[in-house]
Each structure stands twice: as C-alpha cells, then as structure tokens.
Amino acid sequence: MSDIPFNDESIPVLTEVVAETAPPAPAPEAPAPQADTRADTAPRELDDEAWRALEERLVARVLDRLQDRVELVLEDQVRSGMAPVLDAVVTRLATELRDGLQVTVEQVVTRAVAQELAHLRTRG
C-alpha cells in the first residue's frame, strides 16, 4: 500500500466530512425568560437517533470517496501479485507443451521408420 499518496487532496479529512455532514445548526431563538437561564445556555446535544444518522452519512460519504481509490490500489496489487504467478504458469505450460510435442514427434518418427522397415522386409 506504499503506492497510495497520503497527501491526495481528493480524499477528505475527517473534519471536512463531519463539517459537511453535520446537521444544520438550530435557528437562533428568542431569549427565554430569565427564570431558567441554565437550560437556555446549555449546549444542545444530539439524541441517539441523530448521532446514528450522522454516523451513517459519514460512513457512506467516506466509503464513496474511498471506493475508487481502493479499486485502483487493489487492481494494482492484484496485477503486480499475479505477474510472477502468470510468468511461472506460462513457463511451465511451454515446457510441458515442448516435452509433449517432442514425445509425439518421436512416436510418429519411430512408427514411420518401423512401417518403412516392415515394408522393405516384405518386399525383399
């Protein structure tokens, strides 16, 4: 995986993805009466469902952006890993074909010579 450039600007960093997929900030509300000041100034937290939705959007976006890159890297790795295997298979196949062809030619020549000798013996 050393072929993957780590400074590729097409791959977002986590903070960019979160910023792009975060739920919109709530619209400013009119100030509430002074009676319950702590409730108004406390940060608004997301409920479990909102966190799950944010997580799903984040995962989908990251996977979308990485899919093409992963396919290219995987294809390169398979290609480079298969090259020596294919070379070995082709070499072995060529050797077996050559050996088989040699045996076949030897058998044909032996049979042809034997037939010619038999023909000459029956003639004379």
N, C-alpha and C. Protein backbone atom coordinates (compact mmCIF):
# COMPACT_ATOMS: atom_id res chain seq x y z
N MET A 1 0.81 -1.19 0.00
CA MET A 1 0.00 0.00 0.00
C MET A 1 0.85 1.26 0.00
N SER A 2 2.13 1.10 -0.24
CA SER A 2 3.02 2.24 -0.23
C SER A 2 2.79 3.12 -1.45
N ASP A 3 2.01 2.64 -2.43
CA ASP A 3 1.74 3.42 -3.63
C ASP A 3 0.67 4.48 -3.41
N ILE A 4 -0.01 4.47 -2.28
CA ILE A 4 -1.09 5.41 -2.01
C ILE A 4 -0.48 6.73 -1.56
N PRO A 5 -0.78 7.81 -2.31
CA PRO A 5 -0.27 9.11 -1.85
C PRO A 5 -1.07 9.58 -0.66
N PHE A 6 -0.40 9.95 0.41
CA PHE A 6 -1.10 10.37 1.61
C PHE A 6 -1.48 11.83 1.58
N ASN A 7 -1.03 12.57 0.60
CA ASN A 7 -1.38 13.98 0.52
C ASN A 7 -2.37 14.23 -0.61
N ASP A 8 -3.09 13.20 -1.03
CA ASP A 8 -4.07 13.32 -2.09
C ASP A 8 -5.22 14.20 -1.61
N GLU A 9 -5.41 15.34 -2.25
CA GLU A 9 -6.43 16.29 -1.79
C GLU A 9 -7.84 15.85 -2.15
N SER A 10 -7.98 14.81 -3.00
CA SER A 10 -9.32 14.33 -3.33
C SER A 10 -9.92 13.50 -2.21
N ILE A 11 -9.09 13.06 -1.25
CA ILE A 11 -9.58 12.29 -0.11
C ILE A 11 -9.79 13.27 1.04
N PRO A 12 -11.01 13.37 1.54
CA PRO A 12 -11.27 14.34 2.59
C PRO A 12 -10.71 13.89 3.93
N VAL A 13 -10.38 14.84 4.74
CA VAL A 13 -10.01 14.52 6.12
C VAL A 13 -11.30 14.44 6.92
N LEU A 14 -11.22 13.80 8.06
CA LEU A 14 -12.41 13.53 8.86
C LEU A 14 -13.16 14.81 9.22
N THR A 15 -12.44 15.85 9.57
CA THR A 15 -13.11 17.10 9.97
C THR A 15 -13.89 17.71 8.82
N GLU A 16 -13.40 17.54 7.58
CA GLU A 16 -14.14 18.07 6.44
C GLU A 16 -15.44 17.29 6.25
N VAL A 17 -15.36 15.98 6.38
CA VAL A 17 -16.54 15.15 6.19
C VAL A 17 -17.58 15.43 7.27
N VAL A 18 -17.11 15.55 8.51
CA VAL A 18 -18.04 15.83 9.61
C VAL A 18 -18.67 17.20 9.41
N ALA A 19 -17.87 18.18 9.00
CA ALA A 19 -18.41 19.53 8.80
C ALA A 19 -19.46 19.53 7.68
N GLU A 20 -19.22 18.72 6.63
CA GLU A 20 -20.16 18.67 5.52
C GLU A 20 -21.42 17.89 5.85
N THR A 21 -21.33 16.93 6.77
CA THR A 21 -22.49 16.08 7.04
C THR A 21 -23.18 16.39 8.37
N ALA A 22 -22.64 17.34 9.12
CA ALA A 22 -23.23 17.67 10.41
C ALA A 22 -24.61 18.26 10.20
N PRO A 23 -25.52 17.97 11.12
CA PRO A 23 -26.87 18.54 10.98
C PRO A 23 -26.78 20.06 11.09
N PRO A 24 -27.68 20.75 10.42
CA PRO A 24 -27.63 22.21 10.45
C PRO A 24 -27.84 22.72 11.88
N ALA A 25 -27.18 23.81 12.14
CA ALA A 25 -27.31 24.43 13.47
C ALA A 25 -28.74 24.94 13.63
N PRO A 26 -29.27 24.85 14.84
CA PRO A 26 -30.64 25.33 15.04
C PRO A 26 -30.71 26.84 14.85
N ALA A 27 -31.84 27.28 14.36
CA ALA A 27 -32.05 28.72 14.15
C ALA A 27 -32.04 29.42 15.50
N PRO A 28 -31.48 30.62 15.54
CA PRO A 28 -31.46 31.34 16.82
C PRO A 28 -32.89 31.59 17.30
N GLU A 29 -33.07 31.37 18.57
CA GLU A 29 -34.40 31.55 19.16
C GLU A 29 -34.41 32.84 19.98
N ALA A 30 -35.58 33.30 20.20
CA ALA A 30 -35.72 34.48 21.05
C ALA A 30 -35.33 34.12 22.46
N PRO A 31 -34.68 35.00 23.18
CA PRO A 31 -34.27 34.68 24.54
C PRO A 31 -35.47 34.32 25.41
N ALA A 32 -35.27 33.30 26.22
CA ALA A 32 -36.33 32.83 27.11
C ALA A 32 -36.35 33.71 28.35
N PRO A 33 -37.38 33.61 29.12
CA PRO A 33 -37.43 34.38 30.35
C PRO A 33 -36.26 34.01 31.26
N GLN A 34 -35.86 34.90 32.12
CA GLN A 34 -34.71 34.76 33.00
C GLN A 34 -34.87 33.63 34.02
N ALA A 35 -36.02 33.08 34.18
CA ALA A 35 -36.26 32.11 35.22
C ALA A 35 -35.37 30.87 35.08
N ASP A 36 -35.17 30.36 33.87
CA ASP A 36 -34.41 29.12 33.69
C ASP A 36 -33.21 29.39 32.79
N THR A 37 -32.26 30.13 33.25
CA THR A 37 -31.12 30.55 32.44
C THR A 37 -30.22 29.37 32.09
N ARG A 38 -30.00 28.42 33.00
CA ARG A 38 -29.11 27.29 32.73
C ARG A 38 -29.60 26.44 31.56
N ALA A 39 -30.86 26.19 31.44
CA ALA A 39 -31.40 25.37 30.36
C ALA A 39 -31.19 26.03 29.01
N ASP A 40 -31.27 27.36 28.95
CA ASP A 40 -31.11 28.07 27.69
C ASP A 40 -29.66 28.14 27.23
N THR A 41 -28.72 28.20 28.14
CA THR A 41 -27.32 28.36 27.76
C THR A 41 -26.61 27.03 27.61
N ALA A 42 -27.20 25.92 28.02
CA ALA A 42 -26.56 24.61 27.87
C ALA A 42 -26.50 24.25 26.38
N PRO A 43 -25.40 23.62 25.93
CA PRO A 43 -25.30 23.26 24.51
C PRO A 43 -26.36 22.22 24.16
N ARG A 44 -26.89 22.37 22.98
CA ARG A 44 -27.92 21.45 22.53
C ARG A 44 -27.25 20.16 22.07
N GLU A 45 -27.58 19.05 22.69
CA GLU A 45 -26.96 17.78 22.35
C GLU A 45 -27.85 17.01 21.38
N LEU A 46 -27.21 16.19 20.56
CA LEU A 46 -27.95 15.36 19.62
C LEU A 46 -28.44 14.11 20.33
N ASP A 47 -29.62 13.66 20.00
CA ASP A 47 -30.09 12.42 20.57
C ASP A 47 -29.45 11.23 19.83
N ASP A 48 -29.69 10.03 20.32
CA ASP A 48 -29.06 8.83 19.74
C ASP A 48 -29.40 8.66 18.26
N GLU A 49 -30.63 8.94 17.89
CA GLU A 49 -31.05 8.79 16.50
C GLU A 49 -30.29 9.77 15.60
N ALA A 50 -30.10 10.99 16.05
CA ALA A 50 -29.36 11.97 15.25
C ALA A 50 -27.90 11.55 15.10
N TRP A 51 -27.31 11.00 16.17
CA TRP A 51 -25.92 10.53 16.09
C TRP A 51 -25.81 9.36 15.11
N ARG A 52 -26.78 8.44 15.15
CA ARG A 52 -26.76 7.31 14.22
C ARG A 52 -26.88 7.79 12.78
N ALA A 53 -27.77 8.74 12.56
CA ALA A 53 -27.94 9.27 11.20
C ALA A 53 -26.66 9.96 10.74
N LEU A 54 -26.04 10.73 11.62
CA LEU A 54 -24.78 11.41 11.28
C LEU A 54 -23.70 10.37 10.96
N GLU A 55 -23.64 9.33 11.78
CA GLU A 55 -22.64 8.27 11.57
C GLU A 55 -22.86 7.58 10.23
N GLU A 56 -24.10 7.28 9.90
CA GLU A 56 -24.40 6.61 8.63
C GLU A 56 -24.02 7.49 7.45
N ARG A 57 -24.36 8.78 7.53
CA ARG A 57 -23.98 9.69 6.44
C ARG A 57 -22.47 9.81 6.31
N LEU A 58 -21.80 9.87 7.45
CA LEU A 58 -20.34 9.97 7.45
C LEU A 58 -19.70 8.72 6.84
N VAL A 59 -20.15 7.55 7.25
CA VAL A 59 -19.61 6.30 6.71
C VAL A 59 -19.87 6.22 5.21
N ALA A 60 -21.08 6.54 4.78
CA ALA A 60 -21.42 6.47 3.35
C ALA A 60 -20.55 7.43 2.55
N ARG A 61 -20.34 8.61 3.05
CA ARG A 61 -19.54 9.61 2.32
C ARG A 61 -18.08 9.19 2.23
N VAL A 62 -17.52 8.71 3.33
CA VAL A 62 -16.12 8.27 3.32
C VAL A 62 -15.96 7.08 2.38
N LEU A 63 -16.86 6.11 2.46
CA LEU A 63 -16.77 4.94 1.59
C LEU A 63 -16.91 5.34 0.12
N ASP A 64 -17.80 6.27 -0.16
CA ASP A 64 -17.98 6.76 -1.53
C ASP A 64 -16.68 7.33 -2.07
N ARG A 65 -16.06 8.16 -1.28
CA ARG A 65 -14.82 8.82 -1.73
C ARG A 65 -13.65 7.86 -1.83
N LEU A 66 -13.63 6.85 -0.99
CA LEU A 66 -12.51 5.91 -0.99
C LEU A 66 -12.68 4.77 -1.99
N GLN A 67 -13.90 4.52 -2.44
CA GLN A 67 -14.17 3.36 -3.29
C GLN A 67 -13.30 3.34 -4.54
N ASP A 68 -13.24 4.45 -5.27
CA ASP A 68 -12.44 4.49 -6.49
C ASP A 68 -10.97 4.26 -6.19
N ARG A 69 -10.49 4.88 -5.13
CA ARG A 69 -9.07 4.74 -4.76
C ARG A 69 -8.77 3.30 -4.38
N VAL A 70 -9.67 2.68 -3.61
CA VAL A 70 -9.46 1.30 -3.19
C VAL A 70 -9.44 0.37 -4.39
N GLU A 71 -10.33 0.59 -5.35
CA GLU A 71 -10.37 -0.24 -6.54
C GLU A 71 -9.07 -0.15 -7.32
N LEU A 72 -8.54 1.07 -7.48
CA LEU A 72 -7.28 1.24 -8.21
C LEU A 72 -6.12 0.55 -7.50
N VAL A 73 -6.03 0.74 -6.19
CA VAL A 73 -4.95 0.14 -5.43
C VAL A 73 -5.06 -1.38 -5.46
N LEU A 74 -6.27 -1.89 -5.30
CA LEU A 74 -6.48 -3.34 -5.32
C LEU A 74 -6.12 -3.91 -6.69
N GLU A 75 -6.53 -3.24 -7.74
CA GLU A 75 -6.20 -3.70 -9.09
C GLU A 75 -4.69 -3.72 -9.30
N ASP A 76 -4.00 -2.68 -8.85
CA ASP A 76 -2.53 -2.65 -8.97
C ASP A 76 -1.89 -3.78 -8.18
N GLN A 77 -2.36 -4.03 -6.98
CA GLN A 77 -1.80 -5.09 -6.15
C GLN A 77 -2.04 -6.46 -6.77
N VAL A 78 -3.24 -6.68 -7.28
CA VAL A 78 -3.55 -7.96 -7.92
C VAL A 78 -2.69 -8.14 -9.16
N ARG A 79 -2.57 -7.08 -9.94
CA ARG A 79 -1.77 -7.15 -11.16
C ARG A 79 -0.31 -7.45 -10.84
N SER A 80 0.25 -6.74 -9.87
CA SER A 80 1.66 -6.96 -9.52
C SER A 80 1.85 -8.31 -8.83
N GLY A 81 0.87 -8.77 -8.09
CA GLY A 81 0.97 -10.08 -7.44
C GLY A 81 0.78 -11.23 -8.41
N MET A 82 -0.01 -11.01 -9.44
CA MET A 82 -0.29 -12.08 -10.40
C MET A 82 0.79 -12.21 -11.46
N ALA A 83 1.56 -11.17 -11.71
CA ALA A 83 2.57 -11.21 -12.77
C ALA A 83 3.56 -12.36 -12.58
N PRO A 84 4.17 -12.53 -11.40
CA PRO A 84 5.10 -13.65 -11.24
C PRO A 84 4.40 -15.01 -11.35
N VAL A 85 3.19 -15.09 -10.86
CA VAL A 85 2.44 -16.35 -10.94
C VAL A 85 2.15 -16.70 -12.40
N LEU A 86 1.70 -15.72 -13.16
CA LEU A 86 1.40 -15.96 -14.57
C LEU A 86 2.67 -16.31 -15.35
N ASP A 87 3.78 -15.65 -15.04
CA ASP A 87 5.05 -15.98 -15.70
C ASP A 87 5.43 -17.43 -15.43
N ALA A 88 5.29 -17.86 -14.19
CA ALA A 88 5.63 -19.24 -13.84
C ALA A 88 4.71 -20.23 -14.55
N VAL A 89 3.42 -19.91 -14.62
CA VAL A 89 2.47 -20.80 -15.29
C VAL A 89 2.77 -20.89 -16.78
N VAL A 90 3.06 -19.76 -17.41
CA VAL A 90 3.36 -19.76 -18.85
C VAL A 90 4.64 -20.55 -19.11
N THR A 91 5.66 -20.36 -18.27
CA THR A 91 6.91 -21.10 -18.44
C THR A 91 6.68 -22.60 -18.30
N ARG A 92 5.94 -23.00 -17.29
CA ARG A 92 5.65 -24.42 -17.07
C ARG A 92 4.83 -25.00 -18.22
N LEU A 93 3.83 -24.25 -18.67
CA LEU A 93 2.99 -24.70 -19.78
C LEU A 93 3.82 -24.87 -21.05
N ALA A 94 4.70 -23.92 -21.34
CA ALA A 94 5.55 -24.01 -22.52
C ALA A 94 6.46 -25.24 -22.44
N THR A 95 7.01 -25.50 -21.26
CA THR A 95 7.88 -26.67 -21.07
C THR A 95 7.09 -27.96 -21.29
N GLU A 96 5.89 -28.04 -20.72
CA GLU A 96 5.07 -29.23 -20.88
C GLU A 96 4.65 -29.43 -22.34
N LEU A 97 4.31 -28.35 -23.02
CA LEU A 97 3.93 -28.45 -24.44
C LEU A 97 5.12 -28.91 -25.28
N ARG A 98 6.29 -28.34 -25.01
CA ARG A 98 7.50 -28.72 -25.73
C ARG A 98 7.82 -30.20 -25.51
N ASP A 99 7.75 -30.65 -24.25
CA ASP A 99 8.02 -32.06 -23.93
C ASP A 99 7.00 -32.98 -24.60
N GLY A 100 5.74 -32.59 -24.55
CA GLY A 100 4.68 -33.39 -25.17
C GLY A 100 4.85 -33.47 -26.68
N LEU A 101 5.21 -32.35 -27.28
CA LEU A 101 5.41 -32.33 -28.73
C LEU A 101 6.61 -33.20 -29.11
N GLN A 102 7.66 -33.15 -28.32
CA GLN A 102 8.84 -33.97 -28.59
C GLN A 102 8.49 -35.45 -28.52
N VAL A 103 7.73 -35.87 -27.52
CA VAL A 103 7.32 -37.27 -27.38
C VAL A 103 6.47 -37.68 -28.58
N THR A 104 5.56 -36.82 -28.98
CA THR A 104 4.68 -37.13 -30.11
C THR A 104 5.48 -37.28 -31.40
N VAL A 105 6.41 -36.35 -31.65
CA VAL A 105 7.23 -36.43 -32.86
C VAL A 105 8.07 -37.70 -32.85
N GLU A 106 8.66 -38.04 -31.69
CA GLU A 106 9.46 -39.26 -31.59
C GLU A 106 8.62 -40.50 -31.90
N GLN A 107 7.38 -40.54 -31.40
CA GLN A 107 6.50 -41.68 -31.65
C GLN A 107 6.14 -41.79 -33.13
N VAL A 108 5.85 -40.64 -33.74
CA VAL A 108 5.47 -40.64 -35.17
C VAL A 108 6.65 -41.10 -36.02
N VAL A 109 7.84 -40.58 -35.72
CA VAL A 109 9.03 -40.97 -36.49
C VAL A 109 9.34 -42.44 -36.29
N THR A 110 9.27 -42.92 -35.04
CA THR A 110 9.53 -44.33 -34.75
C THR A 110 8.54 -45.22 -35.50
N ARG A 111 7.29 -44.87 -35.49
CA ARG A 111 6.27 -45.66 -36.19
C ARG A 111 6.50 -45.63 -37.70
N ALA A 112 6.82 -44.45 -38.23
CA ALA A 112 7.05 -44.34 -39.67
C ALA A 112 8.26 -45.18 -40.09
N VAL A 113 9.35 -45.14 -39.31
CA VAL A 113 10.54 -45.94 -39.63
C VAL A 113 10.22 -47.43 -39.53
N ALA A 114 9.49 -47.83 -38.51
CA ALA A 114 9.13 -49.24 -38.34
C ALA A 114 8.27 -49.71 -39.50
N GLN A 115 7.33 -48.89 -39.95
CA GLN A 115 6.47 -49.27 -41.08
C GLN A 115 7.29 -49.38 -42.37
N GLU A 116 8.22 -48.45 -42.55
CA GLU A 116 9.05 -48.49 -43.76
C GLU A 116 9.94 -49.72 -43.76
N LEU A 117 10.53 -50.05 -42.58
CA LEU A 117 11.37 -51.25 -42.48
C LEU A 117 10.53 -52.50 -42.72
N ALA A 118 9.33 -52.56 -42.19
CA ALA A 118 8.45 -53.72 -42.39
C ALA A 118 8.09 -53.83 -43.87
N HIS A 119 7.86 -52.72 -44.50
CA HIS A 119 7.52 -52.71 -45.93
C HIS A 119 8.70 -53.23 -46.76
N LEU A 120 9.91 -52.80 -46.40
CA LEU A 120 11.11 -53.23 -47.12
C LEU A 120 11.36 -54.73 -46.90
N ARG A 121 11.11 -55.26 -45.70
CA ARG A 121 11.30 -56.67 -45.41
C ARG A 121 10.35 -57.55 -46.19
N THR A 122 9.11 -57.10 -46.33
CA THR A 122 8.12 -57.91 -47.03
C THR A 122 8.37 -57.88 -48.54
N ARG A 123 9.06 -56.91 -49.03
CA ARG A 123 9.35 -56.77 -50.45
C ARG A 123 10.49 -57.68 -50.86
N GLY A 124 11.40 -57.81 -50.01
CA GLY A 124 12.63 -58.47 -50.41
C GLY A 124 12.75 -59.85 -50.04
